[in-house]
Amino acid sequence: MMAYHFSANQYEKEFDSKRLQNWELPKKYREQPRTLLGFTQIIANDRGHLLPNVPRSAKTPWGEFIGTWDMPKKIAGTCTTNTARSDYAQRKLQVTKTQAEKSADKALTAK
């Protein structure tokens, strides 16, 4: 008698999702999404020009925007505690923070 079911995990394995589980519905879910509060304020016309009532920057027509080119190479994260940091690592983090702040201030004043 020949086998009618050729399993041996040849084809089913690729199509069987083990960890995906995004097909399940939660027990409680909303039929409609919540409405957002607030509104969108239009600051430019159809041609991309700023409207007359929009406040403009006195320094530059592009505003106070700092692009990635103007930012420092490293930005130190916020450190709430120095637990498990060596003295060297604490000093290095502090130096990196001060350099990043100086670089950001320099980028802002240069514009």
PDB file of N, CA and C in Angstrom:
ATOM      1  N   MET A   1       0.841  -1.173   0.000  1.00  0.00           N
ATOM      2  CA  MET A   1       0.000   0.000   0.000  1.00  0.00           C
ATOM      3  C   MET A   1       0.895   1.248   0.000  1.00  0.00           C
ATOM      4  N   MET A   2       0.621   2.171  -0.877  1.00  0.00           N
ATOM      5  CA  MET A   2       1.410   3.391  -0.972  1.00  0.00           C
ATOM      6  C   MET A   2       0.853   4.456  -0.047  1.00  0.00           C
ATOM      7  N   ALA A   3       1.718   5.344   0.365  1.00  0.00           N
ATOM      8  CA  ALA A   3       1.293   6.431   1.259  1.00  0.00           C
ATOM      9  C   ALA A   3       0.600   7.519   0.441  1.00  0.00           C
ATOM     10  N   TYR A   4      -0.505   7.965   0.945  1.00  0.00           N
ATOM     11  CA  TYR A   4      -1.231   9.030   0.281  1.00  0.00           C
ATOM     12  C   TYR A   4      -0.824  10.411   0.805  1.00  0.00           C
ATOM     13  N   HIS A   5      -0.183  10.437   1.948  1.00  0.00           N
ATOM     14  CA  HIS A   5       0.223  11.703   2.567  1.00  0.00           C
ATOM     15  C   HIS A   5       1.749  11.746   2.612  1.00  0.00           C
ATOM     16  N   PHE A   6       2.357  12.582   1.775  1.00  0.00           N
ATOM     17  CA  PHE A   6       3.807  12.694   1.718  1.00  0.00           C
ATOM     18  C   PHE A   6       4.245  13.860   2.602  1.00  0.00           C
ATOM     19  N   SER A   7       4.395  13.644   3.866  1.00  0.00           N
ATOM     20  CA  SER A   7       4.720  14.729   4.770  1.00  0.00           C
ATOM     21  C   SER A   7       6.226  14.963   4.791  1.00  0.00           C
ATOM     22  N   ALA A   8       6.929  14.310   5.596  1.00  0.00           N
ATOM     23  CA  ALA A   8       8.380  14.416   5.749  1.00  0.00           C
ATOM     24  C   ALA A   8       8.851  15.867   5.844  1.00  0.00           C
ATOM     25  N   ASN A   9       7.962  16.782   6.164  1.00  0.00           N
ATOM     26  CA  ASN A   9       8.265  18.201   6.311  1.00  0.00           C
ATOM     27  C   ASN A   9       8.972  18.791   5.087  1.00  0.00           C
ATOM     28  N   GLN A  10       8.627  18.333   3.939  1.00  0.00           N
ATOM     29  CA  GLN A  10       9.273  18.854   2.740  1.00  0.00           C
ATOM     30  C   GLN A  10       8.685  20.202   2.333  1.00  0.00           C
ATOM     31  N   TYR A  11       7.389  20.317   2.344  1.00  0.00           N
ATOM     32  CA  TYR A  11       6.743  21.528   1.853  1.00  0.00           C
ATOM     33  C   TYR A  11       6.008  22.290   2.947  1.00  0.00           C
ATOM     34  N   GLU A  12       5.473  21.585   3.941  1.00  0.00           N
ATOM     35  CA  GLU A  12       4.669  22.249   4.956  1.00  0.00           C
ATOM     36  C   GLU A  12       5.497  23.159   5.856  1.00  0.00           C
ATOM     37  N   LYS A  13       6.741  22.818   6.073  1.00  0.00           N
ATOM     38  CA  LYS A  13       7.585  23.547   7.020  1.00  0.00           C
ATOM     39  C   LYS A  13       7.744  25.018   6.616  1.00  0.00           C
ATOM     40  N   GLU A  14       7.916  25.303   5.349  1.00  0.00           N
ATOM     41  CA  GLU A  14       8.130  26.669   4.893  1.00  0.00           C
ATOM     42  C   GLU A  14       6.886  27.536   5.028  1.00  0.00           C
ATOM     43  N   PHE A  15       5.719  26.940   4.947  1.00  0.00           N
ATOM     44  CA  PHE A  15       4.482  27.715   4.986  1.00  0.00           C
ATOM     45  C   PHE A  15       3.829  27.709   6.363  1.00  0.00           C
ATOM     46  N   ASP A  16       4.396  27.023   7.322  1.00  0.00           N
ATOM     47  CA  ASP A  16       3.826  26.927   8.648  1.00  0.00           C
ATOM     48  C   ASP A  16       4.497  27.956   9.550  1.00  0.00           C
ATOM     49  N   SER A  17       3.746  28.977   9.978  1.00  0.00           N
ATOM     50  CA  SER A  17       4.324  30.010  10.836  1.00  0.00           C
ATOM     51  C   SER A  17       4.241  29.558  12.286  1.00  0.00           C
ATOM     52  N   LYS A  18       5.371  29.503  12.938  1.00  0.00           N
ATOM     53  CA  LYS A  18       5.419  29.054  14.332  1.00  0.00           C
ATOM     54  C   LYS A  18       5.278  30.224  15.298  1.00  0.00           C
ATOM     55  N   ARG A  19       5.965  31.336  15.007  1.00  0.00           N
ATOM     56  CA  ARG A  19       6.028  32.431  15.963  1.00  0.00           C
ATOM     57  C   ARG A  19       5.330  33.698  15.477  1.00  0.00           C
ATOM     58  N   LEU A  20       4.753  33.694  14.328  1.00  0.00           N
ATOM     59  CA  LEU A  20       4.178  34.905  13.774  1.00  0.00           C
ATOM     60  C   LEU A  20       2.977  35.383  14.589  1.00  0.00           C
ATOM     61  N   GLN A  21       1.978  34.590  14.698  1.00  0.00           N
ATOM     62  CA  GLN A  21       0.805  34.796  15.544  1.00  0.00           C
ATOM     63  C   GLN A  21       0.118  36.143  15.364  1.00  0.00           C
ATOM     64  N   ASN A  22       0.266  36.794  14.221  1.00  0.00           N
ATOM     65  CA  ASN A  22      -0.448  38.055  14.026  1.00  0.00           C
ATOM     66  C   ASN A  22      -1.828  37.833  13.423  1.00  0.00           C
ATOM     67  N   TRP A  23      -2.225  36.630  13.254  1.00  0.00           N
ATOM     68  CA  TRP A  23      -3.540  36.335  12.716  1.00  0.00           C
ATOM     69  C   TRP A  23      -4.583  36.271  13.818  1.00  0.00           C
ATOM     70  N   GLU A  24      -4.149  36.255  15.087  1.00  0.00           N
ATOM     71  CA  GLU A  24      -5.085  36.140  16.186  1.00  0.00           C
ATOM     72  C   GLU A  24      -5.711  37.499  16.505  1.00  0.00           C
ATOM     73  N   LEU A  25      -6.982  37.477  16.863  1.00  0.00           N
ATOM     74  CA  LEU A  25      -7.664  38.688  17.299  1.00  0.00           C
ATOM     75  C   LEU A  25      -7.634  38.746  18.811  1.00  0.00           C
ATOM     76  N   PRO A  26      -7.421  39.928  19.379  1.00  0.00           N
ATOM     77  CA  PRO A  26      -7.469  40.029  20.837  1.00  0.00           C
ATOM     78  C   PRO A  26      -8.888  39.830  21.343  1.00  0.00           C
ATOM     79  N   LYS A  27      -9.003  39.544  22.630  1.00  0.00           N
ATOM     80  CA  LYS A  27     -10.329  39.326  23.206  1.00  0.00           C
ATOM     81  C   LYS A  27     -11.182  40.590  23.111  1.00  0.00           C
ATOM     82  N   LYS A  28     -10.554  41.739  23.413  1.00  0.00           N
ATOM     83  CA  LYS A  28     -11.263  43.010  23.324  1.00  0.00           C
ATOM     84  C   LYS A  28     -10.586  43.853  22.263  1.00  0.00           C
ATOM     85  N   TYR A  29     -11.345  44.287  21.305  1.00  0.00           N
ATOM     86  CA  TYR A  29     -10.799  45.161  20.275  1.00  0.00           C
ATOM     87  C   TYR A  29     -11.883  46.123  19.816  1.00  0.00           C
ATOM     88  N   ARG A  30     -11.434  47.244  19.260  1.00  0.00           N
ATOM     89  CA  ARG A  30     -12.360  48.278  18.797  1.00  0.00           C
ATOM     90  C   ARG A  30     -12.743  48.014  17.349  1.00  0.00           C
ATOM     91  N   GLU A  31     -13.986  48.272  17.046  1.00  0.00           N
ATOM     92  CA  GLU A  31     -14.436  48.157  15.662  1.00  0.00           C
ATOM     93  C   GLU A  31     -13.867  49.296  14.817  1.00  0.00           C
ATOM     94  N   GLN A  32     -13.812  50.490  15.403  1.00  0.00           N
ATOM     95  CA  GLN A  32     -13.285  51.677  14.730  1.00  0.00           C
ATOM     96  C   GLN A  32     -12.139  52.237  15.561  1.00  0.00           C
ATOM     97  N   PRO A  33     -11.140  52.821  14.935  1.00  0.00           N
ATOM     98  CA  PRO A  33     -10.065  53.434  15.717  1.00  0.00           C
ATOM     99  C   PRO A  33     -10.546  54.690  16.429  1.00  0.00           C
ATOM    100  N   ARG A  34      -9.828  55.066  17.478  1.00  0.00           N
ATOM    101  CA  ARG A  34     -10.175  56.272  18.226  1.00  0.00           C
ATOM    102  C   ARG A  34      -9.972  57.499  17.348  1.00  0.00           C
ATOM    103  N   THR A  35     -10.767  58.505  17.598  1.00  0.00           N
ATOM    104  CA  THR A  35     -10.581  59.754  16.869  1.00  0.00           C
ATOM    105  C   THR A  35      -9.450  60.539  17.511  1.00  0.00           C
ATOM    106  N   LEU A  36      -8.667  61.215  16.691  1.00  0.00           N
ATOM    107  CA  LEU A  36      -7.557  61.998  17.190  1.00  0.00           C
ATOM    108  C   LEU A  36      -8.038  63.370  17.622  1.00  0.00           C
ATOM    109  N   LEU A  37      -7.386  63.898  18.634  1.00  0.00           N
ATOM    110  CA  LEU A  37      -7.732  65.231  19.119  1.00  0.00           C
ATOM    111  C   LEU A  37      -6.853  66.247  18.422  1.00  0.00           C
ATOM    112  N   GLY A  38      -7.340  67.453  18.301  1.00  0.00           N
ATOM    113  CA  GLY A  38      -6.556  68.507  17.683  1.00  0.00           C
ATOM    114  C   GLY A  38      -6.843  68.620  16.196  1.00  0.00           C
ATOM    115  N   PHE A  39      -5.989  69.391  15.524  1.00  0.00           N
ATOM    116  CA  PHE A  39      -6.186  69.616  14.102  1.00  0.00           C
ATOM    117  C   PHE A  39      -4.840  69.891  13.460  1.00  0.00           C
ATOM    118  N   THR A  40      -4.788  69.814  12.168  1.00  0.00           N
ATOM    119  CA  THR A  40      -3.584  70.116  11.418  1.00  0.00           C
ATOM    120  C   THR A  40      -3.640  71.566  10.962  1.00  0.00           C
ATOM    121  N   GLN A  41      -2.590  72.293  11.261  1.00  0.00           N
ATOM    122  CA  GLN A  41      -2.540  73.695  10.871  1.00  0.00           C
ATOM    123  C   GLN A  41      -1.714  73.812   9.599  1.00  0.00           C
ATOM    124  N   ILE A  42      -2.296  74.368   8.564  1.00  0.00           N
ATOM    125  CA  ILE A  42      -1.623  74.537   7.284  1.00  0.00           C
ATOM    126  C   ILE A  42      -0.700  75.743   7.376  1.00  0.00           C
ATOM    127  N   ILE A  43       0.596  75.548   7.024  1.00  0.00           N
ATOM    128  CA  ILE A  43       1.543  76.662   7.102  1.00  0.00           C
ATOM    129  C   ILE A  43       2.103  77.042   5.738  1.00  0.00           C
ATOM    130  N   ALA A  44       1.735  76.323   4.687  1.00  0.00           N
ATOM    131  CA  ALA A  44       2.244  76.639   3.354  1.00  0.00           C
ATOM    132  C   ALA A  44       1.113  76.536   2.341  1.00  0.00           C
ATOM    133  N   ASN A  45       1.275  77.268   1.240  1.00  0.00           N
ATOM    134  CA  ASN A  45       0.259  77.200   0.189  1.00  0.00           C
ATOM    135  C   ASN A  45       0.578  76.057  -0.770  1.00  0.00           C
ATOM    136  N   ASP A  46      -0.164  75.957  -1.844  1.00  0.00           N
ATOM    137  CA  ASP A  46       0.017  74.852  -2.789  1.00  0.00           C
ATOM    138  C   ASP A  46       1.372  74.896  -3.492  1.00  0.00           C
ATOM    139  N   ARG A  47       1.994  76.056  -3.545  1.00  0.00           N
ATOM    140  CA  ARG A  47       3.296  76.186  -4.195  1.00  0.00           C
ATOM    141  C   ARG A  47       4.454  75.947  -3.231  1.00  0.00           C
ATOM    142  N   GLY A  48       4.147  75.732  -1.939  1.00  0.00           N
ATOM    143  CA  GLY A  48       5.186  75.477  -0.960  1.00  0.00           C
ATOM    144  C   GLY A  48       5.685  76.705  -0.252  1.00  0.00           C
ATOM    145  N   HIS A  49       5.108  77.872  -0.536  1.00  0.00           N
ATOM    146  CA  HIS A  49       5.520  79.104   0.126  1.00  0.00           C
ATOM    147  C   HIS A  49       4.806  79.230   1.461  1.00  0.00           C
ATOM    148  N   LEU A  50       5.533  79.751   2.467  1.00  0.00           N
ATOM    149  CA  LEU A  50       4.918  79.958   3.774  1.00  0.00           C
ATOM    150  C   LEU A  50       3.813  81.001   3.681  1.00  0.00           C
ATOM    151  N   LEU A  51       2.748  80.771   4.416  1.00  0.00           N
ATOM    152  CA  LEU A  51       1.645  81.724   4.458  1.00  0.00           C
ATOM    153  C   LEU A  51       2.066  82.956   5.259  1.00  0.00           C
ATOM    154  N   PRO A  52       1.420  84.095   5.039  1.00  0.00           N
ATOM    155  CA  PRO A  52       1.846  85.335   5.702  1.00  0.00           C
ATOM    156  C   PRO A  52       1.724  85.313   7.221  1.00  0.00           C
ATOM    157  N   ASN A  53       0.792  84.558   7.776  1.00  0.00           N
ATOM    158  CA  ASN A  53       0.586  84.578   9.219  1.00  0.00           C
ATOM    159  C   ASN A  53       1.485  83.597   9.977  1.00  0.00           C
ATOM    160  N   VAL A  54       2.361  82.878   9.300  1.00  0.00           N
ATOM    161  CA  VAL A  54       3.236  81.903   9.951  1.00  0.00           C
ATOM    162  C   VAL A  54       4.471  82.631  10.484  1.00  0.00           C
ATOM    163  N   PRO A  55       4.816  82.435  11.757  1.00  0.00           N
ATOM    164  CA  PRO A  55       6.007  83.091  12.289  1.00  0.00           C
ATOM    165  C   PRO A  55       7.265  82.557  11.621  1.00  0.00           C
ATOM    166  N   ARG A  56       8.166  83.459  11.245  1.00  0.00           N
ATOM    167  CA  ARG A  56       9.397  83.075  10.562  1.00  0.00           C
ATOM    168  C   ARG A  56      10.591  83.322  11.472  1.00  0.00           C
ATOM    169  N   SER A  57      11.645  82.587  11.214  1.00  0.00           N
ATOM    170  CA  SER A  57      12.872  82.751  11.978  1.00  0.00           C
ATOM    171  C   SER A  57      13.608  83.997  11.517  1.00  0.00           C
ATOM    172  N   ALA A  58      14.210  84.698  12.458  1.00  0.00           N
ATOM    173  CA  ALA A  58      14.965  85.902  12.109  1.00  0.00           C
ATOM    174  C   ALA A  58      16.357  85.550  11.596  1.00  0.00           C
ATOM    175  N   LYS A  59      16.872  84.366  11.981  1.00  0.00           N
ATOM    176  CA  LYS A  59      18.229  83.970  11.599  1.00  0.00           C
ATOM    177  C   LYS A  59      18.315  83.500  10.153  1.00  0.00           C
ATOM    178  N   THR A  60      17.425  82.613   9.777  1.00  0.00           N
ATOM    179  CA  THR A  60      17.516  81.986   8.466  1.00  0.00           C
ATOM    180  C   THR A  60      16.124  81.704   7.919  1.00  0.00           C
ATOM    181  N   PRO A  61      15.943  81.724   6.620  1.00  0.00           N
ATOM    182  CA  PRO A  61      14.613  81.423   6.078  1.00  0.00           C
ATOM    183  C   PRO A  61      14.209  79.962   6.241  1.00  0.00           C
ATOM    184  N   TRP A  62      15.161  79.080   6.565  1.00  0.00           N
ATOM    185  CA  TRP A  62      14.852  77.660   6.724  1.00  0.00           C
ATOM    186  C   TRP A  62      14.544  77.301   8.159  1.00  0.00           C
ATOM    187  N   GLY A  63      14.517  78.255   9.064  1.00  0.00           N
ATOM    188  CA  GLY A  63      14.163  77.989  10.448  1.00  0.00           C
ATOM    189  C   GLY A  63      15.342  77.483  11.260  1.00  0.00           C
ATOM    190  N   GLU A  64      15.019  76.868  12.373  1.00  0.00           N
ATOM    191  CA  GLU A  64      16.034  76.394  13.317  1.00  0.00           C
ATOM    192  C   GLU A  64      16.362  74.927  13.087  1.00  0.00           C
ATOM    193  N   PHE A  65      16.114  74.428  11.914  1.00  0.00           N
ATOM    194  CA  PHE A  65      16.323  73.009  11.636  1.00  0.00           C
ATOM    195  C   PHE A  65      17.812  72.685  11.612  1.00  0.00           C
ATOM    196  N   ILE A  66      18.184  71.579  12.283  1.00  0.00           N
ATOM    197  CA  ILE A  66      19.557  71.079  12.248  1.00  0.00           C
ATOM    198  C   ILE A  66      19.527  69.754  11.507  1.00  0.00           C
ATOM    199  N   GLY A  67      20.192  69.701  10.377  1.00  0.00           N
ATOM    200  CA  GLY A  67      20.240  68.463   9.613  1.00  0.00           C
ATOM    201  C   GLY A  67      21.265  67.504  10.176  1.00  0.00           C
ATOM    202  N   THR A  68      21.278  66.302   9.679  1.00  0.00           N
ATOM    203  CA  THR A  68      22.222  65.296  10.180  1.00  0.00           C
ATOM    204  C   THR A  68      23.657  65.673   9.854  1.00  0.00           C
ATOM    205  N   TRP A  69      23.860  66.457   8.814  1.00  0.00           N
ATOM    206  CA  TRP A  69      25.208  66.868   8.463  1.00  0.00           C
ATOM    207  C   TRP A  69      25.782  67.803   9.526  1.00  0.00           C
ATOM    208  N   ASP A  70      24.938  68.606  10.155  1.00  0.00           N
ATOM    209  CA  ASP A  70      25.368  69.560  11.168  1.00  0.00           C
ATOM    210  C   ASP A  70      25.508  68.936  12.551  1.00  0.00           C
ATOM    211  N   MET A  71      24.964  67.759  12.740  1.00  0.00           N
ATOM    212  CA  MET A  71      24.978  67.138  14.061  1.00  0.00           C
ATOM    213  C   MET A  71      26.326  66.476  14.334  1.00  0.00           C
ATOM    214  N   PRO A  72      26.643  66.234  15.612  1.00  0.00           N
ATOM    215  CA  PRO A  72      27.904  65.577  15.940  1.00  0.00           C
ATOM    216  C   PRO A  72      27.894  64.112  15.527  1.00  0.00           C
ATOM    217  N   LYS A  73      29.097  63.522  15.462  1.00  0.00           N
ATOM    218  CA  LYS A  73      29.195  62.118  15.061  1.00  0.00           C
ATOM    219  C   LYS A  73      28.534  61.204  16.079  1.00  0.00           C
ATOM    220  N   LYS A  74      28.757  61.496  17.358  1.00  0.00           N
ATOM    221  CA  LYS A  74      28.169  60.683  18.417  1.00  0.00           C
ATOM    222  C   LYS A  74      27.266  61.554  19.271  1.00  0.00           C
ATOM    223  N   ILE A  75      26.126  61.009  19.626  1.00  0.00           N
ATOM    224  CA  ILE A  75      25.228  61.676  20.551  1.00  0.00           C
ATOM    225  C   ILE A  75      25.093  60.752  21.747  1.00  0.00           C
ATOM    226  N   ALA A  76      25.550  61.213  22.887  1.00  0.00           N
ATOM    227  CA  ALA A  76      25.480  60.386  24.089  1.00  0.00           C
ATOM    228  C   ALA A  76      24.046  60.315  24.566  1.00  0.00           C
ATOM    229  N   GLY A  77      23.623  59.141  24.979  1.00  0.00           N
ATOM    230  CA  GLY A  77      22.274  58.970  25.478  1.00  0.00           C
ATOM    231  C   GLY A  77      22.111  59.565  26.854  1.00  0.00           C
ATOM    232  N   THR A  78      20.880  59.672  27.291  1.00  0.00           N
ATOM    233  CA  THR A  78      20.640  60.199  28.630  1.00  0.00           C
ATOM    234  C   THR A  78      21.007  59.119  29.628  1.00  0.00           C
ATOM    235  N   CYS A  79      21.812  59.466  30.562  1.00  0.00           N
ATOM    236  CA  CYS A  79      22.290  58.514  31.567  1.00  0.00           C
ATOM    237  C   CYS A  79      21.702  58.895  32.913  1.00  0.00           C
ATOM    238  N   THR A  80      20.797  58.103  33.436  1.00  0.00           N
ATOM    239  CA  THR A  80      20.184  58.421  34.711  1.00  0.00           C
ATOM    240  C   THR A  80      21.024  57.923  35.874  1.00  0.00           C
ATOM    241  N   THR A  81      21.799  56.900  35.659  1.00  0.00           N
ATOM    242  CA  THR A  81      22.607  56.339  36.730  1.00  0.00           C
ATOM    243  C   THR A  81      23.946  55.876  36.169  1.00  0.00           C
ATOM    244  N   ASN A  82      24.946  55.927  37.003  1.00  0.00           N
ATOM    245  CA  ASN A  82      26.274  55.462  36.593  1.00  0.00           C
ATOM    246  C   ASN A  82      26.587  54.079  37.148  1.00  0.00           C
ATOM    247  N   THR A  83      25.582  53.360  37.548  1.00  0.00           N
ATOM    248  CA  THR A  83      25.779  52.020  38.061  1.00  0.00           C
ATOM    249  C   THR A  83      26.382  51.145  36.972  1.00  0.00           C
ATOM    250  N   ALA A  84      27.348  50.361  37.341  1.00  0.00           N
ATOM    251  CA  ALA A  84      28.028  49.402  36.463  1.00  0.00           C
ATOM    252  C   ALA A  84      28.852  50.096  35.385  1.00  0.00           C
ATOM    253  N   ARG A  85      29.203  51.365  35.592  1.00  0.00           N
ATOM    254  CA  ARG A  85      30.104  52.060  34.685  1.00  0.00           C
ATOM    255  C   ARG A  85      31.413  52.304  35.419  1.00  0.00           C
ATOM    256  N   SER A  86      32.484  52.024  34.741  1.00  0.00           N
ATOM    257  CA  SER A  86      33.788  52.295  35.342  1.00  0.00           C
ATOM    258  C   SER A  86      34.034  53.806  35.347  1.00  0.00           C
ATOM    259  N   ASP A  87      35.057  54.224  36.092  1.00  0.00           N
ATOM    260  CA  ASP A  87      35.384  55.652  36.131  1.00  0.00           C
ATOM    261  C   ASP A  87      35.738  56.163  34.740  1.00  0.00           C
ATOM    262  N   TYR A  88      36.475  55.348  33.995  1.00  0.00           N
ATOM    263  CA  TYR A  88      36.863  55.728  32.642  1.00  0.00           C
ATOM    264  C   TYR A  88      35.624  55.904  31.753  1.00  0.00           C
ATOM    265  N   ALA A  89      34.676  54.972  31.859  1.00  0.00           N
ATOM    266  CA  ALA A  89      33.460  55.041  31.037  1.00  0.00           C
ATOM    267  C   ALA A  89      32.611  56.254  31.424  1.00  0.00           C
ATOM    268  N   GLN A  90      32.569  56.588  32.712  1.00  0.00           N
ATOM    269  CA  GLN A  90      31.812  57.762  33.151  1.00  0.00           C
ATOM    270  C   GLN A  90      32.425  59.041  32.595  1.00  0.00           C
ATOM    271  N   ARG A  91      33.768  59.147  32.659  1.00  0.00           N
ATOM    272  CA  ARG A  91      34.435  60.337  32.136  1.00  0.00           C
ATOM    273  C   ARG A  91      34.263  60.442  30.624  1.00  0.00           C
ATOM    274  N   LYS A  92      34.374  59.309  29.933  1.00  0.00           N
ATOM    275  CA  LYS A  92      34.217  59.305  28.473  1.00  0.00           C
ATOM    276  C   LYS A  92      32.800  59.728  28.076  1.00  0.00           C
ATOM    277  N   LEU A  93      31.808  59.248  28.813  1.00  0.00           N
ATOM    278  CA  LEU A  93      30.426  59.622  28.534  1.00  0.00           C
ATOM    279  C   LEU A  93      30.206  61.112  28.760  1.00  0.00           C
ATOM    280  N   GLN A  94      30.784  61.629  29.842  1.00  0.00           N
ATOM    281  CA  GLN A  94      30.636  63.051  30.137  1.00  0.00           C
ATOM    282  C   GLN A  94      31.299  63.907  29.054  1.00  0.00           C
ATOM    283  N   VAL A  95      32.485  63.505  28.598  1.00  0.00           N
ATOM    284  CA  VAL A  95      33.178  64.249  27.538  1.00  0.00           C
ATOM    285  C   VAL A  95      32.374  64.208  26.248  1.00  0.00           C
ATOM    286  N   THR A  96      31.829  63.039  25.921  1.00  0.00           N
ATOM    287  CA  THR A  96      31.023  62.902  24.704  1.00  0.00           C
ATOM    288  C   THR A  96      29.784  63.785  24.773  1.00  0.00           C
ATOM    289  N   LYS A  97      29.156  63.850  25.956  1.00  0.00           N
ATOM    290  CA  LYS A  97      27.972  64.689  26.114  1.00  0.00           C
ATOM    291  C   LYS A  97      28.304  66.168  25.923  1.00  0.00           C
ATOM    292  N   THR A  98      29.382  66.612  26.540  1.00  0.00           N
ATOM    293  CA  THR A  98      29.728  68.030  26.427  1.00  0.00           C
ATOM    294  C   THR A  98      30.123  68.380  24.999  1.00  0.00           C
ATOM    295  N   GLN A  99      30.831  67.480  24.323  1.00  0.00           N
ATOM    296  CA  GLN A  99      31.197  67.735  22.926  1.00  0.00           C
ATOM    297  C   GLN A  99      29.959  67.791  22.043  1.00  0.00           C
ATOM    298  N   ALA A 100      28.996  66.905  22.285  1.00  0.00           N
ATOM    299  CA  ALA A 100      27.768  66.902  21.488  1.00  0.00           C
ATOM    300  C   ALA A 100      26.967  68.182  21.723  1.00  0.00           C
ATOM    301  N   GLU A 101      26.911  68.630  22.970  1.00  0.00           N
ATOM    302  CA  GLU A 101      26.182  69.864  23.272  1.00  0.00           C
ATOM    303  C   GLU A 101      26.854  71.069  22.621  1.00  0.00           C
ATOM    304  N   LYS A 102      28.182  71.120  22.681  1.00  0.00           N
ATOM    305  CA  LYS A 102      28.910  72.225  22.051  1.00  0.00           C
ATOM    306  C   LYS A 102      28.703  72.217  20.545  1.00  0.00           C
ATOM    307  N   SER A 103      28.747  71.021  19.954  1.00  0.00           N
ATOM    308  CA  SER A 103      28.566  70.912  18.518  1.00  0.00           C
ATOM    309  C   SER A 103      27.167  71.339  18.090  1.00  0.00           C
ATOM    310  N   ALA A 104      26.162  70.955  18.877  1.00  0.00           N
ATOM    311  CA  ALA A 104      24.788  71.351  18.561  1.00  0.00           C
ATOM    312  C   ALA A 104      24.611  72.857  18.707  1.00  0.00           C
ATOM    313  N   ASP A 105      25.198  73.430  19.762  1.00  0.00           N
ATOM    314  CA  ASP A 105      25.117  74.889  19.942  1.00  0.00           C
ATOM    315  C   ASP A 105      25.813  75.619  18.804  1.00  0.00           C
ATOM    316  N   LYS A 106      26.955  75.083  18.389  1.00  0.00           N
ATOM    317  CA  LYS A 106      27.708  75.691  17.282  1.00  0.00           C
ATOM    318  C   LYS A 106      26.903  75.636  15.985  1.00  0.00           C
ATOM    319  N   ALA A 107      26.217  74.508  15.753  1.00  0.00           N
ATOM    320  CA  ALA A 107      25.404  74.378  14.549  1.00  0.00           C
ATOM    321  C   ALA A 107      24.238  75.355  14.567  1.00  0.00           C
ATOM    322  N   LEU A 108      23.665  75.577  15.743  1.00  0.00           N
ATOM    323  CA  LEU A 108      22.542  76.509  15.853  1.00  0.00           C
ATOM    324  C   LEU A 108      22.997  77.946  15.651  1.00  0.00           C
ATOM    325  N   THR A 109      24.151  78.324  16.218  1.00  0.00           N
ATOM    326  CA  THR A 109      24.599  79.699  16.095  1.00  0.00           C
ATOM    327  C   THR A 109      25.184  79.992  14.712  1.00  0.00           C
ATOM    328  N   ALA A 110      25.620  78.957  14.005  1.00  0.00           N
ATOM    329  CA  ALA A 110      26.204  79.162  12.681  1.00  0.00           C
ATOM    330  C   ALA A 110      25.146  79.523  11.652  1.00  0.00           C
ATOM    331  N   LYS A 111      23.921  79.149  11.908  1.00  0.00           N
ATOM    332  CA  LYS A 111      22.861  79.388  10.920  1.00  0.00           C
ATOM    333  C   LYS A 111      22.262  80.729  11.028  1.00  0.00           C
TER     334      LYS A 111
END
